[in-house]
Amino acid sequence: MSDITIYELEAAINFWRTRSPSSGDELVLCKEASALSKPYALMIVQRQTVLPQEGLDESARAAWDSYVSLKNGL
């Protein structure tokens, strides 16, 4: 499995935000963007530029895999 860069993770979050914009008075993120935002925030706080795919929890991994499939037209 390959590593995910912080830029790729940000692109995935933006993809999901565009596909399913925030909703409600609280502007809640869709479940995919929310799942990916947690490892993204940790990367920022820990000053990491890459994250192994194994570092994603189940929901973030599902959001990432769906993003990659949709981006690649699979």
PDB file of N, CA and C in Angstrom:
ATOM      1  N   MET A   1       0.828  -1.173   0.000  1.00  0.00           N
ATOM      2  CA  MET A   1       0.000   0.000   0.000  1.00  0.00           C
ATOM      3  C   MET A   1       0.878   1.243   0.000  1.00  0.00           C
ATOM      4  N   SER A   2       0.389   2.246  -0.658  1.00  0.00           N
ATOM      5  CA  SER A   2       1.189   3.455  -0.779  1.00  0.00           C
ATOM      6  C   SER A   2       0.786   4.488   0.267  1.00  0.00           C
ATOM      7  N   ASP A   3       1.647   5.458   0.424  1.00  0.00           N
ATOM      8  CA  ASP A   3       1.376   6.545   1.350  1.00  0.00           C
ATOM      9  C   ASP A   3       0.455   7.572   0.702  1.00  0.00           C
ATOM     10  N   ILE A   4      -0.247   8.305   1.534  1.00  0.00           N
ATOM     11  CA  ILE A   4      -1.129   9.381   1.090  1.00  0.00           C
ATOM     12  C   ILE A   4      -0.487  10.685   1.537  1.00  0.00           C
ATOM     13  N   THR A   5      -0.284  11.603   0.604  1.00  0.00           N
ATOM     14  CA  THR A   5       0.286  12.889   0.983  1.00  0.00           C
ATOM     15  C   THR A   5      -0.812  13.786   1.556  1.00  0.00           C
ATOM     16  N   ILE A   6      -0.394  14.788   2.280  1.00  0.00           N
ATOM     17  CA  ILE A   6      -1.358  15.720   2.847  1.00  0.00           C
ATOM     18  C   ILE A   6      -2.131  16.432   1.739  1.00  0.00           C
ATOM     19  N   TYR A   7      -1.484  16.651   0.599  1.00  0.00           N
ATOM     20  CA  TYR A   7      -2.138  17.300  -0.535  1.00  0.00           C
ATOM     21  C   TYR A   7      -3.204  16.401  -1.152  1.00  0.00           C
ATOM     22  N   GLU A   8      -2.919  15.112  -1.225  1.00  0.00           N
ATOM     23  CA  GLU A   8      -3.906  14.159  -1.741  1.00  0.00           C
ATOM     24  C   GLU A   8      -5.100  14.051  -0.797  1.00  0.00           C
ATOM     25  N   LEU A   9      -4.822  14.054   0.485  1.00  0.00           N
ATOM     26  CA  LEU A   9      -5.897  13.978   1.470  1.00  0.00           C
ATOM     27  C   LEU A   9      -6.766  15.237   1.409  1.00  0.00           C
ATOM     28  N   GLU A  10      -6.138  16.382   1.257  1.00  0.00           N
ATOM     29  CA  GLU A  10      -6.883  17.636   1.119  1.00  0.00           C
ATOM     30  C   GLU A  10      -7.734  17.613  -0.149  1.00  0.00           C
ATOM     31  N   ALA A  11      -7.189  17.096  -1.236  1.00  0.00           N
ATOM     32  CA  ALA A  11      -7.951  16.997  -2.485  1.00  0.00           C
ATOM     33  C   ALA A  11      -9.156  16.084  -2.312  1.00  0.00           C
ATOM     34  N   ALA A  12      -8.991  14.993  -1.582  1.00  0.00           N
ATOM     35  CA  ALA A  12     -10.107  14.076  -1.339  1.00  0.00           C
ATOM     36  C   ALA A  12     -11.192  14.752  -0.508  1.00  0.00           C
ATOM     37  N   ILE A  13     -10.794  15.489   0.510  1.00  0.00           N
ATOM     38  CA  ILE A  13     -11.771  16.218   1.332  1.00  0.00           C
ATOM     39  C   ILE A  13     -12.526  17.226   0.470  1.00  0.00           C
ATOM     40  N   ASN A  14     -11.807  17.968  -0.354  1.00  0.00           N
ATOM     41  CA  ASN A  14     -12.448  18.955  -1.225  1.00  0.00           C
ATOM     42  C   ASN A  14     -13.362  18.292  -2.252  1.00  0.00           C
ATOM     43  N   PHE A  15     -12.974  17.132  -2.747  1.00  0.00           N
ATOM     44  CA  PHE A  15     -13.818  16.371  -3.665  1.00  0.00           C
ATOM     45  C   PHE A  15     -15.157  16.061  -3.006  1.00  0.00           C
ATOM     46  N   TRP A  16     -15.100  15.518  -1.778  1.00  0.00           N
ATOM     47  CA  TRP A  16     -16.333  15.158  -1.079  1.00  0.00           C
ATOM     48  C   TRP A  16     -17.145  16.394  -0.709  1.00  0.00           C
ATOM     49  N   ARG A  17     -16.472  17.493  -0.375  1.00  0.00           N
ATOM     50  CA  ARG A  17     -17.197  18.731  -0.043  1.00  0.00           C
ATOM     51  C   ARG A  17     -17.917  19.285  -1.259  1.00  0.00           C
ATOM     52  N   THR A  18     -17.316  19.152  -2.426  1.00  0.00           N
ATOM     53  CA  THR A  18     -17.954  19.606  -3.662  1.00  0.00           C
ATOM     54  C   THR A  18     -19.101  18.692  -4.040  1.00  0.00           C
ATOM     55  N   ARG A  19     -18.880  17.422  -3.892  1.00  0.00           N
ATOM     56  CA  ARG A  19     -19.892  16.431  -4.263  1.00  0.00           C
ATOM     57  C   ARG A  19     -21.091  16.457  -3.317  1.00  0.00           C
ATOM     58  N   SER A  20     -20.842  16.689  -2.050  1.00  0.00           N
ATOM     59  CA  SER A  20     -21.892  16.710  -1.041  1.00  0.00           C
ATOM     60  C   SER A  20     -21.623  17.871  -0.082  1.00  0.00           C
ATOM     61  N   PRO A  21     -22.069  19.087  -0.457  1.00  0.00           N
ATOM     62  CA  PRO A  21     -21.773  20.280   0.347  1.00  0.00           C
ATOM     63  C   PRO A  21     -22.277  20.171   1.785  1.00  0.00           C
ATOM     64  N   SER A  22     -21.674  20.974   2.648  1.00  0.00           N
ATOM     65  CA  SER A  22     -22.088  21.037   4.040  1.00  0.00           C
ATOM     66  C   SER A  22     -23.563  21.374   4.117  1.00  0.00           C
ATOM     67  N   SER A  23     -24.206  20.878   5.184  1.00  0.00           N
ATOM     68  CA  SER A  23     -25.650  21.073   5.281  1.00  0.00           C
ATOM     69  C   SER A  23     -26.048  21.522   6.674  1.00  0.00           C
ATOM     70  N   GLY A  24     -27.276  22.040   6.754  1.00  0.00           N
ATOM     71  CA  GLY A  24     -27.837  22.452   8.033  1.00  0.00           C
ATOM     72  C   GLY A  24     -27.276  23.765   8.525  1.00  0.00           C
ATOM     73  N   ASP A  25     -27.868  24.257   9.582  1.00  0.00           N
ATOM     74  CA  ASP A  25     -27.411  25.512  10.176  1.00  0.00           C
ATOM     75  C   ASP A  25     -25.987  25.406  10.696  1.00  0.00           C
ATOM     76  N   GLU A  26     -25.606  24.199  11.077  1.00  0.00           N
ATOM     77  CA  GLU A  26     -24.266  23.984  11.630  1.00  0.00           C
ATOM     78  C   GLU A  26     -23.226  23.748  10.544  1.00  0.00           C
ATOM     79  N   LEU A  27     -23.662  23.640   9.281  1.00  0.00           N
ATOM     80  CA  LEU A  27     -22.779  23.355   8.149  1.00  0.00           C
ATOM     81  C   LEU A  27     -21.955  22.085   8.391  1.00  0.00           C
ATOM     82  N   VAL A  28     -22.658  21.014   8.673  1.00  0.00           N
ATOM     83  CA  VAL A  28     -22.043  19.719   8.953  1.00  0.00           C
ATOM     84  C   VAL A  28     -21.460  19.134   7.675  1.00  0.00           C
ATOM     85  N   LEU A  29     -20.224  18.633   7.782  1.00  0.00           N
ATOM     86  CA  LEU A  29     -19.580  17.967   6.645  1.00  0.00           C
ATOM     87  C   LEU A  29     -20.268  16.639   6.364  1.00  0.00           C
ATOM     88  N   CYS A  30     -20.222  16.209   5.112  1.00  0.00           N
ATOM     89  CA  CYS A  30     -20.720  14.878   4.785  1.00  0.00           C
ATOM     90  C   CYS A  30     -19.840  13.852   5.501  1.00  0.00           C
ATOM     91  N   LYS A  31     -20.331  12.626   5.605  1.00  0.00           N
ATOM     92  CA  LYS A  31     -19.611  11.612   6.392  1.00  0.00           C
ATOM     93  C   LYS A  31     -18.223  11.331   5.838  1.00  0.00           C
ATOM     94  N   GLU A  32     -18.062  11.362   4.507  1.00  0.00           N
ATOM     95  CA  GLU A  32     -16.757  11.072   3.902  1.00  0.00           C
ATOM     96  C   GLU A  32     -15.744  12.173   4.222  1.00  0.00           C
ATOM     97  N   ALA A  33     -16.153  13.431   4.036  1.00  0.00           N
ATOM     98  CA  ALA A  33     -15.246  14.547   4.335  1.00  0.00           C
ATOM     99  C   ALA A  33     -14.921  14.587   5.818  1.00  0.00           C
ATOM    100  N   SER A  34     -15.911  14.301   6.643  1.00  0.00           N
ATOM    101  CA  SER A  34     -15.685  14.280   8.085  1.00  0.00           C
ATOM    102  C   SER A  34     -14.684  13.199   8.471  1.00  0.00           C
ATOM    103  N   ALA A  35     -14.834  12.010   7.890  1.00  0.00           N
ATOM    104  CA  ALA A  35     -13.921  10.902   8.200  1.00  0.00           C
ATOM    105  C   ALA A  35     -12.481  11.234   7.795  1.00  0.00           C
ATOM    106  N   LEU A  36     -12.320  11.907   6.665  1.00  0.00           N
ATOM    107  CA  LEU A  36     -10.975  12.244   6.187  1.00  0.00           C
ATOM    108  C   LEU A  36     -10.389  13.460   6.905  1.00  0.00           C
ATOM    109  N   SER A  37     -11.244  14.288   7.479  1.00  0.00           N
ATOM    110  CA  SER A  37     -10.753  15.497   8.145  1.00  0.00           C
ATOM    111  C   SER A  37      -9.975  15.175   9.420  1.00  0.00           C
ATOM    112  N   LYS A  38     -10.295  14.068  10.048  1.00  0.00           N
ATOM    113  CA  LYS A  38      -9.603  13.709  11.297  1.00  0.00           C
ATOM    114  C   LYS A  38      -8.130  13.371  11.053  1.00  0.00           C
ATOM    115  N   PRO A  39      -7.814  12.456  10.125  1.00  0.00           N
ATOM    116  CA  PRO A  39      -6.379  12.203   9.880  1.00  0.00           C
ATOM    117  C   PRO A  39      -5.676  13.427   9.275  1.00  0.00           C
ATOM    118  N   TYR A  40      -6.416  14.236   8.513  1.00  0.00           N
ATOM    119  CA  TYR A  40      -5.842  15.460   7.938  1.00  0.00           C
ATOM    120  C   TYR A  40      -5.418  16.413   9.057  1.00  0.00           C
ATOM    121  N   ALA A  41      -6.292  16.606  10.029  1.00  0.00           N
ATOM    122  CA  ALA A  41      -5.971  17.496  11.151  1.00  0.00           C
ATOM    123  C   ALA A  41      -4.777  16.965  11.941  1.00  0.00           C
ATOM    124  N   LEU A  42      -4.738  15.657  12.155  1.00  0.00           N
ATOM    125  CA  LEU A  42      -3.601  15.073  12.875  1.00  0.00           C
ATOM    126  C   LEU A  42      -2.297  15.284  12.117  1.00  0.00           C
ATOM    127  N   MET A  43      -2.347  15.164  10.810  1.00  0.00           N
ATOM    128  CA  MET A  43      -1.143  15.383  10.007  1.00  0.00           C
ATOM    129  C   MET A  43      -0.649  16.814  10.178  1.00  0.00           C
ATOM    130  N   ILE A  44      -1.585  17.760  10.202  1.00  0.00           N
ATOM    131  CA  ILE A  44      -1.194  19.163  10.366  1.00  0.00           C
ATOM    132  C   ILE A  44      -0.561  19.379  11.739  1.00  0.00           C
ATOM    133  N   VAL A  45      -1.224  18.902  12.783  1.00  0.00           N
ATOM    134  CA  VAL A  45      -0.734  19.094  14.142  1.00  0.00           C
ATOM    135  C   VAL A  45       0.623  18.424  14.343  1.00  0.00           C
ATOM    136  N   GLN A  46       0.786  17.246  13.762  1.00  0.00           N
ATOM    137  CA  GLN A  46       2.038  16.501  13.923  1.00  0.00           C
ATOM    138  C   GLN A  46       3.080  16.862  12.871  1.00  0.00           C
ATOM    139  N   ARG A  47       2.743  17.795  12.008  1.00  0.00           N
ATOM    140  CA  ARG A  47       3.647  18.267  10.949  1.00  0.00           C
ATOM    141  C   ARG A  47       4.140  17.141  10.057  1.00  0.00           C
ATOM    142  N   GLN A  48       3.198  16.253   9.707  1.00  0.00           N
ATOM    143  CA  GLN A  48       3.504  15.153   8.800  1.00  0.00           C
ATOM    144  C   GLN A  48       3.081  15.536   7.396  1.00  0.00           C
ATOM    145  N   THR A  49       3.802  15.028   6.413  1.00  0.00           N
ATOM    146  CA  THR A  49       3.427  15.286   5.027  1.00  0.00           C
ATOM    147  C   THR A  49       2.882  14.049   4.329  1.00  0.00           C
ATOM    148  N   VAL A  50       3.100  12.876   4.938  1.00  0.00           N
ATOM    149  CA  VAL A  50       2.569  11.633   4.377  1.00  0.00           C
ATOM    150  C   VAL A  50       1.984  10.774   5.489  1.00  0.00           C
ATOM    151  N   LEU A  51       1.029   9.951   5.087  1.00  0.00           N
ATOM    152  CA  LEU A  51       0.361   9.037   6.009  1.00  0.00           C
ATOM    153  C   LEU A  51       0.214   7.697   5.314  1.00  0.00           C
ATOM    154  N   PRO A  52       0.627   6.613   5.952  1.00  0.00           N
ATOM    155  CA  PRO A  52       0.396   5.309   5.330  1.00  0.00           C
ATOM    156  C   PRO A  52      -1.099   5.013   5.310  1.00  0.00           C
ATOM    157  N   GLN A  53      -1.573   4.375   4.251  1.00  0.00           N
ATOM    158  CA  GLN A  53      -2.995   4.055   4.156  1.00  0.00           C
ATOM    159  C   GLN A  53      -3.453   3.235   5.346  1.00  0.00           C
ATOM    160  N   GLU A  54      -2.567   2.450   5.914  1.00  0.00           N
ATOM    161  CA  GLU A  54      -2.913   1.650   7.078  1.00  0.00           C
ATOM    162  C   GLU A  54      -3.228   2.517   8.293  1.00  0.00           C
ATOM    163  N   GLY A  55      -2.839   3.790   8.239  1.00  0.00           N
ATOM    164  CA  GLY A  55      -3.095   4.713   9.336  1.00  0.00           C
ATOM    165  C   GLY A  55      -4.515   5.262   9.355  1.00  0.00           C
ATOM    166  N   LEU A  56      -5.295   4.954   8.334  1.00  0.00           N
ATOM    167  CA  LEU A  56      -6.678   5.414   8.277  1.00  0.00           C
ATOM    168  C   LEU A  56      -7.585   4.429   9.017  1.00  0.00           C
ATOM    169  N   ASP A  57      -8.555   4.967   9.744  1.00  0.00           N
ATOM    170  CA  ASP A  57      -9.526   4.067  10.362  1.00  0.00           C
ATOM    171  C   ASP A  57     -10.503   3.582   9.290  1.00  0.00           C
ATOM    172  N   GLU A  58     -11.428   2.738   9.672  1.00  0.00           N
ATOM    173  CA  GLU A  58     -12.318   2.092   8.707  1.00  0.00           C
ATOM    174  C   GLU A  58     -13.139   3.089   7.881  1.00  0.00           C
ATOM    175  N   SER A  59     -13.704   4.101   8.540  1.00  0.00           N
ATOM    176  CA  SER A  59     -14.540   5.057   7.802  1.00  0.00           C
ATOM    177  C   SER A  59     -13.700   5.945   6.885  1.00  0.00           C
ATOM    178  N   ALA A  60     -12.522   6.361   7.347  1.00  0.00           N
ATOM    179  CA  ALA A  60     -11.641   7.170   6.501  1.00  0.00           C
ATOM    180  C   ALA A  60     -11.127   6.350   5.326  1.00  0.00           C
ATOM    181  N   ARG A  61     -10.835   5.086   5.573  1.00  0.00           N
ATOM    182  CA  ARG A  61     -10.349   4.211   4.500  1.00  0.00           C
ATOM    183  C   ARG A  61     -11.420   4.017   3.428  1.00  0.00           C
ATOM    184  N   ALA A  62     -12.675   3.852   3.850  1.00  0.00           N
ATOM    185  CA  ALA A  62     -13.780   3.704   2.894  1.00  0.00           C
ATOM    186  C   ALA A  62     -13.955   4.980   2.079  1.00  0.00           C
ATOM    187  N   ALA A  63     -13.861   6.136   2.724  1.00  0.00           N
ATOM    188  CA  ALA A  63     -13.990   7.418   2.016  1.00  0.00           C
ATOM    189  C   ALA A  63     -12.839   7.602   1.036  1.00  0.00           C
ATOM    190  N   TRP A  64     -11.627   7.226   1.450  1.00  0.00           N
ATOM    191  CA  TRP A  64     -10.455   7.339   0.580  1.00  0.00           C
ATOM    192  C   TRP A  64     -10.581   6.419  -0.632  1.00  0.00           C
ATOM    193  N   ASP A  65     -10.933   5.174  -0.378  1.00  0.00           N
ATOM    194  CA  ASP A  65     -11.062   4.207  -1.471  1.00  0.00           C
ATOM    195  C   ASP A  65     -12.148   4.626  -2.463  1.00  0.00           C
ATOM    196  N   SER A  66     -13.258   5.135  -1.956  1.00  0.00           N
ATOM    197  CA  SER A  66     -14.332   5.616  -2.845  1.00  0.00           C
ATOM    198  C   SER A  66     -13.862   6.808  -3.665  1.00  0.00           C
ATOM    199  N   TYR A  67     -13.149   7.715  -3.029  1.00  0.00           N
ATOM    200  CA  TYR A  67     -12.599   8.883  -3.733  1.00  0.00           C
ATOM    201  C   TYR A  67     -11.674   8.443  -4.863  1.00  0.00           C
ATOM    202  N   VAL A  68     -10.766   7.537  -4.574  1.00  0.00           N
ATOM    203  CA  VAL A  68      -9.811   7.075  -5.595  1.00  0.00           C
ATOM    204  C   VAL A  68     -10.563   6.399  -6.757  1.00  0.00           C
ATOM    205  N   SER A  69     -11.537   5.578  -6.435  1.00  0.00           N
ATOM    206  CA  SER A  69     -12.318   4.902  -7.483  1.00  0.00           C
ATOM    207  C   SER A  69     -13.065   5.893  -8.353  1.00  0.00           C
ATOM    208  N   LEU A  70     -13.729   6.860  -7.717  1.00  0.00           N
ATOM    209  CA  LEU A  70     -14.490   7.846  -8.482  1.00  0.00           C
ATOM    210  C   LEU A  70     -13.577   8.750  -9.293  1.00  0.00           C
ATOM    211  N   LYS A  71     -12.459   9.144  -8.703  1.00  0.00           N
ATOM    212  CA  LYS A  71     -11.506  10.001  -9.409  1.00  0.00           C
ATOM    213  C   LYS A  71     -10.934   9.312 -10.641  1.00  0.00           C
ATOM    214  N   ASN A  72     -10.695   8.024 -10.518  1.00  0.00           N
ATOM    215  CA  ASN A  72     -10.118   7.260 -11.625  1.00  0.00           C
ATOM    216  C   ASN A  72     -11.182   6.694 -12.562  1.00  0.00           C
ATOM    217  N   GLY A  73     -12.446   6.996 -12.287  1.00  0.00           N
ATOM    218  CA  GLY A  73     -13.523   6.563 -13.159  1.00  0.00           C
ATOM    219  C   GLY A  73     -13.772   5.065 -13.147  1.00  0.00           C
ATOM    220  N   LEU A  74     -13.500   4.422 -12.017  1.00  0.00           N
ATOM    221  CA  LEU A  74     -13.703   2.969 -11.921  1.00  0.00           C
ATOM    222  C   LEU A  74     -15.092   2.630 -11.458  1.00  0.00           C
TER     223      LEU A  74
END
